[in-house]
């Protein structure tokens, strides 16, 4: 599934954000926004699951570009598809979730 360069569906974005390691990495890229728009990306601690599962998934979704030689990650073509949801989650981090069940 390589969706790089195509707009992601809400389901794809939520699937990408469903893991805490992926959310934290994308959050760090969201915070890496210098005023001139250029970014050096962020260094990642590439453990086994990050290397074999999470980074390839984020690359497939087009959310990040990963330089395997330097273990640096930059925003991918579809990063903005997830940025709005990440910002919404950050803005509401202190709001307790409420669930009303109706039968």
PDB file of N, CA and C in Angstrom:
ATOM      1  N   UNK A   1       0.838  -1.167   0.000  1.00  0.00           N
ATOM      2  CA  UNK A   1       0.000   0.000   0.000  1.00  0.00           C
ATOM      3  C   UNK A   1       0.887   1.236   0.000  1.00  0.00           C
ATOM      4  N   UNK A   2       1.149   1.827  -1.100  1.00  0.00           N
ATOM      5  CA  UNK A   2       1.913   3.061  -1.119  1.00  0.00           C
ATOM      6  C   UNK A   2       0.966   4.174  -1.512  1.00  0.00           C
ATOM      7  N   UNK A   3       0.590   4.987  -0.524  1.00  0.00           N
ATOM      8  CA  UNK A   3      -0.357   6.075  -0.775  1.00  0.00           C
ATOM      9  C   UNK A   3       0.345   7.420  -0.807  1.00  0.00           C
ATOM     10  N   UNK A   4       1.661   7.395  -0.927  1.00  0.00           N
ATOM     11  CA  UNK A   4       2.424   8.637  -0.970  1.00  0.00           C
ATOM     12  C   UNK A   4       1.999   9.467  -2.172  1.00  0.00           C
ATOM     13  N   UNK A   5       1.691  10.737  -1.923  1.00  0.00           N
ATOM     14  CA  UNK A   5       1.327  11.630  -3.007  1.00  0.00           C
ATOM     15  C   UNK A   5      -0.155  11.697  -3.300  1.00  0.00           C
ATOM     16  N   UNK A   6      -0.952  10.833  -2.680  1.00  0.00           N
ATOM     17  CA  UNK A   6      -2.397  10.905  -2.833  1.00  0.00           C
ATOM     18  C   UNK A   6      -2.989  11.302  -1.491  1.00  0.00           C
ATOM     19  N   UNK A   7      -4.104  12.008  -1.514  1.00  0.00           N
ATOM     20  CA  UNK A   7      -4.708  12.419  -0.251  1.00  0.00           C
ATOM     21  C   UNK A   7      -5.174  11.186   0.508  1.00  0.00           C
ATOM     22  N   UNK A   8      -4.850  11.159   1.785  1.00  0.00           N
ATOM     23  CA  UNK A   8      -5.217  10.019   2.622  1.00  0.00           C
ATOM     24  C   UNK A   8      -6.665  10.131   3.067  1.00  0.00           C
ATOM     25  N   UNK A   9      -7.291   8.991   3.241  1.00  0.00           N
ATOM     26  CA  UNK A   9      -8.632   8.969   3.811  1.00  0.00           C
ATOM     27  C   UNK A   9      -8.515   9.155   5.317  1.00  0.00           C
ATOM     28  N   UNK A  10      -9.615   9.502   5.947  1.00  0.00           N
ATOM     29  CA  UNK A  10      -9.638   9.640   7.409  1.00  0.00           C
ATOM     30  C   UNK A  10      -9.248   8.313   8.044  1.00  0.00           C
ATOM     31  N   UNK A  11      -9.712   7.207   7.483  1.00  0.00           N
ATOM     32  CA  UNK A  11      -9.370   5.884   8.029  1.00  0.00           C
ATOM     33  C   UNK A  11      -7.865   5.635   7.979  1.00  0.00           C
ATOM     34  N   UNK A  12      -7.216   6.035   6.875  1.00  0.00           N
ATOM     35  CA  UNK A  12      -5.760   5.866   6.765  1.00  0.00           C
ATOM     36  C   UNK A  12      -5.034   6.708   7.806  1.00  0.00           C
ATOM     37  N   UNK A  13      -5.462   7.950   7.976  1.00  0.00           N
ATOM     38  CA  UNK A  13      -4.819   8.828   8.963  1.00  0.00           C
ATOM     39  C   UNK A  13      -4.996   8.254  10.363  1.00  0.00           C
ATOM     40  N   UNK A  14      -6.212   7.813  10.684  1.00  0.00           N
ATOM     41  CA  UNK A  14      -6.452   7.246  12.015  1.00  0.00           C
ATOM     42  C   UNK A  14      -5.658   5.961  12.221  1.00  0.00           C
ATOM     43  N   UNK A  15      -5.507   5.156  11.181  1.00  0.00           N
ATOM     44  CA  UNK A  15      -4.687   3.943  11.285  1.00  0.00           C
ATOM     45  C   UNK A  15      -3.232   4.313  11.565  1.00  0.00           C
ATOM     46  N   UNK A  16      -2.738   5.337  10.890  1.00  0.00           N
ATOM     47  CA  UNK A  16      -1.356   5.779  11.113  1.00  0.00           C
ATOM     48  C   UNK A  16      -1.165   6.316  12.521  1.00  0.00           C
ATOM     49  N   UNK A  17      -2.181   6.987  13.053  1.00  0.00           N
ATOM     50  CA  UNK A  17      -2.088   7.598  14.379  1.00  0.00           C
ATOM     51  C   UNK A  17      -2.469   6.648  15.508  1.00  0.00           C
ATOM     52  N   UNK A  18      -2.818   5.418  15.176  1.00  0.00           N
ATOM     53  CA  UNK A  18      -3.317   4.496  16.197  1.00  0.00           C
ATOM     54  C   UNK A  18      -2.231   3.968  17.127  1.00  0.00           C
ATOM     55  N   UNK A  19      -0.968   4.217  16.817  1.00  0.00           N
ATOM     56  CA  UNK A  19       0.124   3.748  17.665  1.00  0.00           C
ATOM     57  C   UNK A  19       0.829   4.940  18.307  1.00  0.00           C
ATOM     58  N   UNK A  20       1.135   4.832  19.589  1.00  0.00           N
ATOM     59  CA  UNK A  20       1.737   5.945  20.319  1.00  0.00           C
ATOM     60  C   UNK A  20       3.110   6.318  19.771  1.00  0.00           C
ATOM     61  N   UNK A  21       3.910   5.351  19.340  1.00  0.00           N
ATOM     62  CA  UNK A  21       5.232   5.671  18.792  1.00  0.00           C
ATOM     63  C   UNK A  21       5.106   6.493  17.512  1.00  0.00           C
ATOM     64  N   UNK A  22       4.148   6.130  16.667  1.00  0.00           N
ATOM     65  CA  UNK A  22       3.956   6.883  15.425  1.00  0.00           C
ATOM     66  C   UNK A  22       3.433   8.283  15.729  1.00  0.00           C
ATOM     67  N   UNK A  23       2.488   8.404  16.679  1.00  0.00           N
ATOM     68  CA  UNK A  23       1.968   9.730  17.055  1.00  0.00           C
ATOM     69  C   UNK A  23       3.078  10.616  17.594  1.00  0.00           C
ATOM     70  N   UNK A  24       3.918  10.065  18.470  1.00  0.00           N
ATOM     71  CA  UNK A  24       5.001  10.859  19.050  1.00  0.00           C
ATOM     72  C   UNK A  24       5.982  11.322  17.975  1.00  0.00           C
ATOM     73  N   UNK A  25       6.285  10.470  17.020  1.00  0.00           N
ATOM     74  CA  UNK A  25       7.192  10.859  15.945  1.00  0.00           C
ATOM     75  C   UNK A  25       6.566  11.966  15.096  1.00  0.00           C
ATOM     76  N   UNK A  26       5.297  11.803  14.732  1.00  0.00           N
ATOM     77  CA  UNK A  26       4.621  12.828  13.932  1.00  0.00           C
ATOM     78  C   UNK A  26       4.473  14.127  14.722  1.00  0.00           C
ATOM     79  N   UNK A  27       4.219  14.033  16.030  1.00  0.00           N
ATOM     80  CA  UNK A  27       4.164  15.234  16.882  1.00  0.00           C
ATOM     81  C   UNK A  27       5.495  15.974  16.867  1.00  0.00           C
ATOM     82  N   UNK A  28       6.598  15.225  16.917  1.00  0.00           N
ATOM     83  CA  UNK A  28       7.906  15.884  16.911  1.00  0.00           C
ATOM     84  C   UNK A  28       8.158  16.572  15.571  1.00  0.00           C
ATOM     85  N   UNK A  29       7.651  16.008  14.476  1.00  0.00           N
ATOM     86  CA  UNK A  29       7.764  16.678  13.178  1.00  0.00           C
ATOM     87  C   UNK A  29       6.870  17.905  13.116  1.00  0.00           C
ATOM     88  N   UNK A  30       5.721  17.834  13.764  1.00  0.00           N
ATOM     89  CA  UNK A  30       4.815  18.980  13.809  1.00  0.00           C
ATOM     90  C   UNK A  30       5.471  20.134  14.567  1.00  0.00           C
ATOM     91  N   UNK A  31       6.203  19.814  15.622  1.00  0.00           N
ATOM     92  CA  UNK A  31       6.888  20.836  16.412  1.00  0.00           C
ATOM     93  C   UNK A  31       8.110  21.392  15.686  1.00  0.00           C
ATOM     94  N   UNK A  32       8.622  20.652  14.708  1.00  0.00           N
ATOM     95  CA  UNK A  32       9.804  21.054  13.941  1.00  0.00           C
ATOM     96  C   UNK A  32       9.374  21.939  12.771  1.00  0.00           C
ATOM     97  N   UNK A  33       8.928  23.172  13.087  1.00  0.00           N
ATOM     98  CA  UNK A  33       8.414  24.086  12.065  1.00  0.00           C
ATOM     99  C   UNK A  33       9.087  25.445  12.171  1.00  0.00           C
ATOM    100  N   UNK A  34      10.287  25.589  11.640  1.00  0.00           N
ATOM    101  CA  UNK A  34      10.914  26.898  11.669  1.00  0.00           C
ATOM    102  C   UNK A  34      10.136  27.900  10.820  1.00  0.00           C
ATOM    103  N   UNK A  35      10.267  29.202  11.112  1.00  0.00           N
ATOM    104  CA  UNK A  35       9.497  30.220  10.400  1.00  0.00           C
ATOM    105  C   UNK A  35       9.691  30.230   8.887  1.00  0.00           C
ATOM    106  N   UNK A  36      10.893  29.851   8.420  1.00  0.00           N
ATOM    107  CA  UNK A  36      11.131  29.891   6.981  1.00  0.00           C
ATOM    108  C   UNK A  36      10.568  28.678   6.248  1.00  0.00           C
ATOM    109  N   UNK A  37       9.995  27.735   6.982  1.00  0.00           N
ATOM    110  CA  UNK A  37       9.376  26.567   6.363  1.00  0.00           C
ATOM    111  C   UNK A  37      10.351  25.436   6.103  1.00  0.00           C
ATOM    112  N   UNK A  38      11.652  25.696   6.167  1.00  0.00           N
ATOM    113  CA  UNK A  38      12.636  24.637   5.962  1.00  0.00           C
ATOM    114  C   UNK A  38      12.700  23.778   7.217  1.00  0.00           C
ATOM    115  N   UNK A  39      13.009  22.536   7.043  1.00  0.00           N
ATOM    116  CA  UNK A  39      13.122  21.651   8.195  1.00  0.00           C
ATOM    117  C   UNK A  39      14.271  20.685   7.990  1.00  0.00           C
ATOM    118  N   UNK A  40      14.990  20.425   9.051  1.00  0.00           N
ATOM    119  CA  UNK A  40      16.059  19.437   9.010  1.00  0.00           C
ATOM    120  C   UNK A  40      15.532  18.068   9.378  1.00  0.00           C
ATOM    121  N   UNK A  41      14.288  18.018   9.789  1.00  0.00           N
ATOM    122  CA  UNK A  41      13.714  16.765  10.237  1.00  0.00           C
ATOM    123  C   UNK A  41      14.118  16.467  11.668  1.00  0.00           C
ATOM    124  N   UNK A  42      13.832  15.275  12.076  1.00  0.00           N
ATOM    125  CA  UNK A  42      14.160  14.855  13.433  1.00  0.00           C
ATOM    126  C   UNK A  42      14.903  13.527  13.388  1.00  0.00           C
ATOM    127  N   UNK A  43      15.798  13.346  14.344  1.00  0.00           N
ATOM    128  CA  UNK A  43      16.509  12.078  14.482  1.00  0.00           C
ATOM    129  C   UNK A  43      15.578  11.100  15.184  1.00  0.00           C
ATOM    130  N   UNK A  44      15.598   9.869  14.756  1.00  0.00           N
ATOM    131  CA  UNK A  44      14.754   8.858  15.394  1.00  0.00           C
ATOM    132  C   UNK A  44      15.622   7.783  16.027  1.00  0.00           C
ATOM    133  N   UNK A  45      15.153   7.303  17.160  1.00  0.00           N
ATOM    134  CA  UNK A  45      15.783   6.175  17.827  1.00  0.00           C
ATOM    135  C   UNK A  45      15.182   4.941  17.184  1.00  0.00           C
ATOM    136  N   UNK A  46      15.953   4.300  16.347  1.00  0.00           N
ATOM    137  CA  UNK A  46      15.407   3.216  15.538  1.00  0.00           C
ATOM    138  C   UNK A  46      15.569   1.889  16.262  1.00  0.00           C
ATOM    139  N   UNK A  47      14.549   1.547  17.051  1.00  0.00           N
ATOM    140  CA  UNK A  47      14.533   0.223  17.654  1.00  0.00           C
ATOM    141  C   UNK A  47      13.922  -0.743  16.630  1.00  0.00           C
ATOM    142  N   UNK A  48      13.821  -1.988  16.988  1.00  0.00           N
ATOM    143  CA  UNK A  48      13.367  -3.005  16.037  1.00  0.00           C
ATOM    144  C   UNK A  48      11.968  -2.705  15.511  1.00  0.00           C
ATOM    145  N   UNK A  49      11.034  -2.393  16.403  1.00  0.00           N
ATOM    146  CA  UNK A  49       9.665  -2.155  15.938  1.00  0.00           C
ATOM    147  C   UNK A  49       9.571  -0.870  15.120  1.00  0.00           C
ATOM    148  N   UNK A  50      10.329   0.149  15.488  1.00  0.00           N
ATOM    149  CA  UNK A  50      10.308   1.392  14.717  1.00  0.00           C
ATOM    150  C   UNK A  50      10.871   1.139  13.316  1.00  0.00           C
ATOM    151  N   UNK A  51      11.957   0.389  13.238  1.00  0.00           N
ATOM    152  CA  UNK A  51      12.626   0.127  11.966  1.00  0.00           C
ATOM    153  C   UNK A  51      11.801  -0.777  11.050  1.00  0.00           C
ATOM    154  N   UNK A  52      11.188  -1.804  11.613  1.00  0.00           N
ATOM    155  CA  UNK A  52      10.514  -2.802  10.784  1.00  0.00           C
ATOM    156  C   UNK A  52       9.011  -2.598  10.634  1.00  0.00           C
ATOM    157  N   UNK A  53       8.410  -1.815  11.529  1.00  0.00           N
ATOM    158  CA  UNK A  53       6.952  -1.655  11.486  1.00  0.00           C
ATOM    159  C   UNK A  53       6.539  -0.202  11.276  1.00  0.00           C
ATOM    160  N   UNK A  54       6.898   0.650  12.227  1.00  0.00           N
ATOM    161  CA  UNK A  54       6.328   2.000  12.271  1.00  0.00           C
ATOM    162  C   UNK A  54       6.843   2.925  11.170  1.00  0.00           C
ATOM    163  N   UNK A  55       8.158   3.006  10.988  1.00  0.00           N
ATOM    164  CA  UNK A  55       8.670   3.882   9.934  1.00  0.00           C
ATOM    165  C   UNK A  55       8.226   3.432   8.544  1.00  0.00           C
ATOM    166  N   UNK A  56       8.300   2.137   8.218  1.00  0.00           N
ATOM    167  CA  UNK A  56       7.800   1.735   6.894  1.00  0.00           C
ATOM    168  C   UNK A  56       6.320   2.069   6.681  1.00  0.00           C
ATOM    169  N   UNK A  57       5.517   1.931   7.729  1.00  0.00           N
ATOM    170  CA  UNK A  57       4.093   2.261   7.608  1.00  0.00           C
ATOM    171  C   UNK A  57       3.906   3.748   7.343  1.00  0.00           C
ATOM    172  N   UNK A  58       4.628   4.597   8.089  1.00  0.00           N
ATOM    173  CA  UNK A  58       4.512   6.044   7.889  1.00  0.00           C
ATOM    174  C   UNK A  58       5.023   6.457   6.507  1.00  0.00           C
ATOM    175  N   UNK A  59       6.056   5.780   6.023  1.00  0.00           N
ATOM    176  CA  UNK A  59       6.569   6.041   4.671  1.00  0.00           C
ATOM    177  C   UNK A  59       5.528   5.634   3.642  1.00  0.00           C
ATOM    178  N   UNK A  60       4.923   4.457   3.811  1.00  0.00           N
ATOM    179  CA  UNK A  60       3.886   3.988   2.879  1.00  0.00           C
ATOM    180  C   UNK A  60       2.713   4.954   2.802  1.00  0.00           C
ATOM    181  N   UNK A  61       2.333   5.517   3.931  1.00  0.00           N
ATOM    182  CA  UNK A  61       1.244   6.491   3.949  1.00  0.00           C
ATOM    183  C   UNK A  61       1.679   7.849   3.400  1.00  0.00           C
ATOM    184  N   UNK A  62       2.983   8.018   3.179  1.00  0.00           N
ATOM    185  CA  UNK A  62       3.476   9.289   2.667  1.00  0.00           C
ATOM    186  C   UNK A  62       3.527  10.370   3.729  1.00  0.00           C
ATOM    187  N   UNK A  63       3.469   9.976   5.000  1.00  0.00           N
ATOM    188  CA  UNK A  63       3.491  10.952   6.084  1.00  0.00           C
ATOM    189  C   UNK A  63       4.908  11.396   6.417  1.00  0.00           C
ATOM    190  N   UNK A  64       5.889  10.539   6.167  1.00  0.00           N
ATOM    191  CA  UNK A  64       7.281  10.880   6.429  1.00  0.00           C
ATOM    192  C   UNK A  64       8.161  10.411   5.282  1.00  0.00           C
ATOM    193  N   UNK A  65       9.332  11.017   5.225  1.00  0.00           N
ATOM    194  CA  UNK A  65      10.420  10.524   4.395  1.00  0.00           C
ATOM    195  C   UNK A  65      11.523  10.144   5.362  1.00  0.00           C
ATOM    196  N   UNK A  66      12.103   8.976   5.163  1.00  0.00           N
ATOM    197  CA  UNK A  66      13.062   8.416   6.115  1.00  0.00           C
ATOM    198  C   UNK A  66      14.389   8.189   5.421  1.00  0.00           C
ATOM    199  N   UNK A  67      15.431   8.815   5.939  1.00  0.00           N
ATOM    200  CA  UNK A  67      16.790   8.582   5.449  1.00  0.00           C
ATOM    201  C   UNK A  67      17.390   7.502   6.336  1.00  0.00           C
ATOM    202  N   UNK A  68      17.447   6.291   5.824  1.00  0.00           N
ATOM    203  CA  UNK A  68      17.905   5.156   6.631  1.00  0.00           C
ATOM    204  C   UNK A  68      19.383   5.251   6.995  1.00  0.00           C
ATOM    205  N   UNK A  69      20.169   5.984   6.211  1.00  0.00           N
ATOM    206  CA  UNK A  69      21.595   6.116   6.514  1.00  0.00           C
ATOM    207  C   UNK A  69      21.833   7.006   7.735  1.00  0.00           C
ATOM    208  N   UNK A  70      21.031   8.061   7.860  1.00  0.00           N
ATOM    209  CA  UNK A  70      21.231   8.999   8.976  1.00  0.00           C
ATOM    210  C   UNK A  70      20.180   8.830  10.072  1.00  0.00           C
ATOM    211  N   UNK A  71      19.176   7.990   9.827  1.00  0.00           N
ATOM    212  CA  UNK A  71      18.054   7.810  10.752  1.00  0.00           C
ATOM    213  C   UNK A  71      17.390   9.143  11.076  1.00  0.00           C
ATOM    214  N   UNK A  72      17.209   9.964  10.037  1.00  0.00           N
ATOM    215  CA  UNK A  72      16.476  11.232  10.163  1.00  0.00           C
ATOM    216  C   UNK A  72      15.188  11.103   9.362  1.00  0.00           C
ATOM    217  N   UNK A  73      14.157  11.714   9.926  1.00  0.00           N
ATOM    218  CA  UNK A  73      12.838  11.675   9.314  1.00  0.00           C
ATOM    219  C   UNK A  73      12.390  13.104   9.052  1.00  0.00           C
ATOM    220  N   UNK A  74      11.829  13.340   7.880  1.00  0.00           N
ATOM    221  CA  UNK A  74      11.262  14.635   7.537  1.00  0.00           C
ATOM    222  C   UNK A  74       9.805  14.429   7.118  1.00  0.00           C
ATOM    223  N   UNK A  75       9.093  15.534   7.000  1.00  0.00           N
ATOM    224  CA  UNK A  75       7.688  15.468   6.602  1.00  0.00           C
ATOM    225  C   UNK A  75       7.558  14.922   5.183  1.00  0.00           C
ATOM    226  N   UNK A  76       6.585  14.033   5.017  1.00  0.00           N
ATOM    227  CA  UNK A  76       6.323  13.478   3.702  1.00  0.00           C
ATOM    228  C   UNK A  76       5.248  14.270   2.971  1.00  0.00           C
ATOM    229  N   UNK A  77       4.954  13.857   1.763  1.00  0.00           N
ATOM    230  CA  UNK A  77       3.988  14.557   0.907  1.00  0.00           C
ATOM    231  C   UNK A  77       2.599  14.635   1.535  1.00  0.00           C
ATOM    232  N   UNK A  78       2.235  13.651   2.346  1.00  0.00           N
ATOM    233  CA  UNK A  78       0.900  13.610   2.942  1.00  0.00           C
ATOM    234  C   UNK A  78       0.878  14.046   4.401  1.00  0.00           C
ATOM    235  N   UNK A  79       1.967  14.648   4.881  1.00  0.00           N
ATOM    236  CA  UNK A  79       2.041  15.010   6.297  1.00  0.00           C
ATOM    237  C   UNK A  79       0.883  15.895   6.725  1.00  0.00           C
ATOM    238  N   UNK A  80       0.509  16.846   5.903  1.00  0.00           N
ATOM    239  CA  UNK A  80      -0.558  17.783   6.275  1.00  0.00           C
ATOM    240  C   UNK A  80      -1.898  17.078   6.490  1.00  0.00           C
ATOM    241  N   UNK A  81      -2.087  15.899   5.864  1.00  0.00           N
ATOM    242  CA  UNK A  81      -3.323  15.135   6.071  1.00  0.00           C
ATOM    243  C   UNK A  81      -3.465  14.720   7.534  1.00  0.00           C
ATOM    244  N   UNK A  82      -2.347  14.482   8.204  1.00  0.00           N
ATOM    245  CA  UNK A  82      -2.375  14.082   9.611  1.00  0.00           C
ATOM    246  C   UNK A  82      -2.186  15.265  10.550  1.00  0.00           C
ATOM    247  N   UNK A  83      -1.598  16.356  10.062  1.00  0.00           N
ATOM    248  CA  UNK A  83      -1.267  17.491  10.926  1.00  0.00           C
ATOM    249  C   UNK A  83      -2.497  18.075  11.612  1.00  0.00           C
ATOM    250  N   UNK A  84      -3.601  18.216  10.885  1.00  0.00           N
ATOM    251  CA  UNK A  84      -4.813  18.784  11.497  1.00  0.00           C
ATOM    252  C   UNK A  84      -5.308  17.941  12.653  1.00  0.00           C
ATOM    253  N   UNK A  85      -5.304  16.630  12.476  1.00  0.00           N
ATOM    254  CA  UNK A  85      -5.779  15.744  13.542  1.00  0.00           C
ATOM    255  C   UNK A  85      -4.808  15.768  14.715  1.00  0.00           C
ATOM    256  N   UNK A  86      -3.504  15.790  14.441  1.00  0.00           N
ATOM    257  CA  UNK A  86      -2.515  15.889  15.518  1.00  0.00           C
ATOM    258  C   UNK A  86      -2.708  17.171  16.320  1.00  0.00           C
ATOM    259  N   UNK A  87      -2.933  18.283  15.626  1.00  0.00           N
ATOM    260  CA  UNK A  87      -3.146  19.555  16.313  1.00  0.00           C
ATOM    261  C   UNK A  87      -4.418  19.514  17.149  1.00  0.00           C
ATOM    262  N   UNK A  88      -5.465  18.915  16.623  1.00  0.00           N
ATOM    263  CA  UNK A  88      -6.716  18.779  17.358  1.00  0.00           C
ATOM    264  C   UNK A  88      -6.517  17.934  18.617  1.00  0.00           C
ATOM    265  N   UNK A  89      -5.768  16.845  18.498  1.00  0.00           N
ATOM    266  CA  UNK A  89      -5.483  16.004  19.659  1.00  0.00           C
ATOM    267  C   UNK A  89      -4.674  16.771  20.696  1.00  0.00           C
ATOM    268  N   UNK A  90      -3.675  17.526  20.238  1.00  0.00           N
ATOM    269  CA  UNK A  90      -2.857  18.318  21.168  1.00  0.00           C
ATOM    270  C   UNK A  90      -3.686  19.377  21.887  1.00  0.00           C
ATOM    271  N   UNK A  91      -4.546  20.069  21.150  1.00  0.00           N
ATOM    272  CA  UNK A  91      -5.378  21.125  21.737  1.00  0.00           C
ATOM    273  C   UNK A  91      -6.343  20.584  22.781  1.00  0.00           C
ATOM    274  N   UNK A  92      -6.739  19.333  22.630  1.00  0.00           N
ATOM    275  CA  UNK A  92      -7.736  18.753  23.524  1.00  0.00           C
ATOM    276  C   UNK A  92      -7.158  17.679  24.434  1.00  0.00           C
ATOM    277  N   UNK A  93      -5.857  17.703  24.645  1.00  0.00           N
ATOM    278  CA  UNK A  93      -5.208  16.676  25.455  1.00  0.00           C
ATOM    279  C   UNK A  93      -5.706  16.652  26.893  1.00  0.00           C
ATOM    280  N   UNK A  94      -6.146  17.805  27.405  1.00  0.00           N
ATOM    281  CA  UNK A  94      -6.600  17.876  28.797  1.00  0.00           C
ATOM    282  C   UNK A  94      -8.088  17.642  28.958  1.00  0.00           C
ATOM    283  N   UNK A  95      -8.782  17.439  27.873  1.00  0.00           N
ATOM    284  CA  UNK A  95     -10.229  17.228  27.922  1.00  0.00           C
ATOM    285  C   UNK A  95     -10.494  15.740  28.076  1.00  0.00           C
ATOM    286  N   UNK A  96     -11.122  15.342  29.171  1.00  0.00           N
ATOM    287  CA  UNK A  96     -11.404  13.910  29.346  1.00  0.00           C
ATOM    288  C   UNK A  96     -12.427  13.429  28.324  1.00  0.00           C
ATOM    289  N   UNK A  97     -12.201  12.253  27.771  1.00  0.00           N
ATOM    290  CA  UNK A  97     -13.164  11.740  26.784  1.00  0.00           C
ATOM    291  C   UNK A  97     -14.477  11.388  27.468  1.00  0.00           C
ATOM    292  N   UNK A  98     -15.550  11.641  26.766  1.00  0.00           N
ATOM    293  CA  UNK A  98     -16.863  11.246  27.273  1.00  0.00           C
ATOM    294  C   UNK A  98     -17.514  10.371  26.217  1.00  0.00           C
ATOM    295  N   UNK A  99     -18.094   9.316  26.678  1.00  0.00           N
ATOM    296  CA  UNK A  99     -18.768   8.397  25.783  1.00  0.00           C
ATOM    297  C   UNK A  99     -20.167   8.172  26.313  1.00  0.00           C
ATOM    298  N   UNK A 100     -21.126   8.442  25.482  1.00  0.00           N
ATOM    299  CA  UNK A 100     -22.500   8.179  25.865  1.00  0.00           C
ATOM    300  C   UNK A 100     -23.005   7.029  25.017  1.00  0.00           C
ATOM    301  N   UNK A 101     -23.400   6.013  25.691  1.00  0.00           N
ATOM    302  CA  UNK A 101     -23.915   4.845  24.994  1.00  0.00           C
ATOM    303  C   UNK A 101     -25.433   4.877  24.996  1.00  0.00           C
ATOM    304  N   UNK A 102     -25.987   4.730  23.837  1.00  0.00           N
ATOM    305  CA  UNK A 102     -27.440   4.641  23.738  1.00  0.00           C
ATOM    306  C   UNK A 102     -27.778   3.313  23.087  1.00  0.00           C
ATOM    307  N   UNK A 103     -28.704   2.665  23.669  1.00  0.00           N
ATOM    308  CA  UNK A 103     -29.123   1.361  23.127  1.00  0.00           C
ATOM    309  C   UNK A 103     -30.464   1.470  22.487  1.00  0.00           C
TER     310      UNK A 103
END
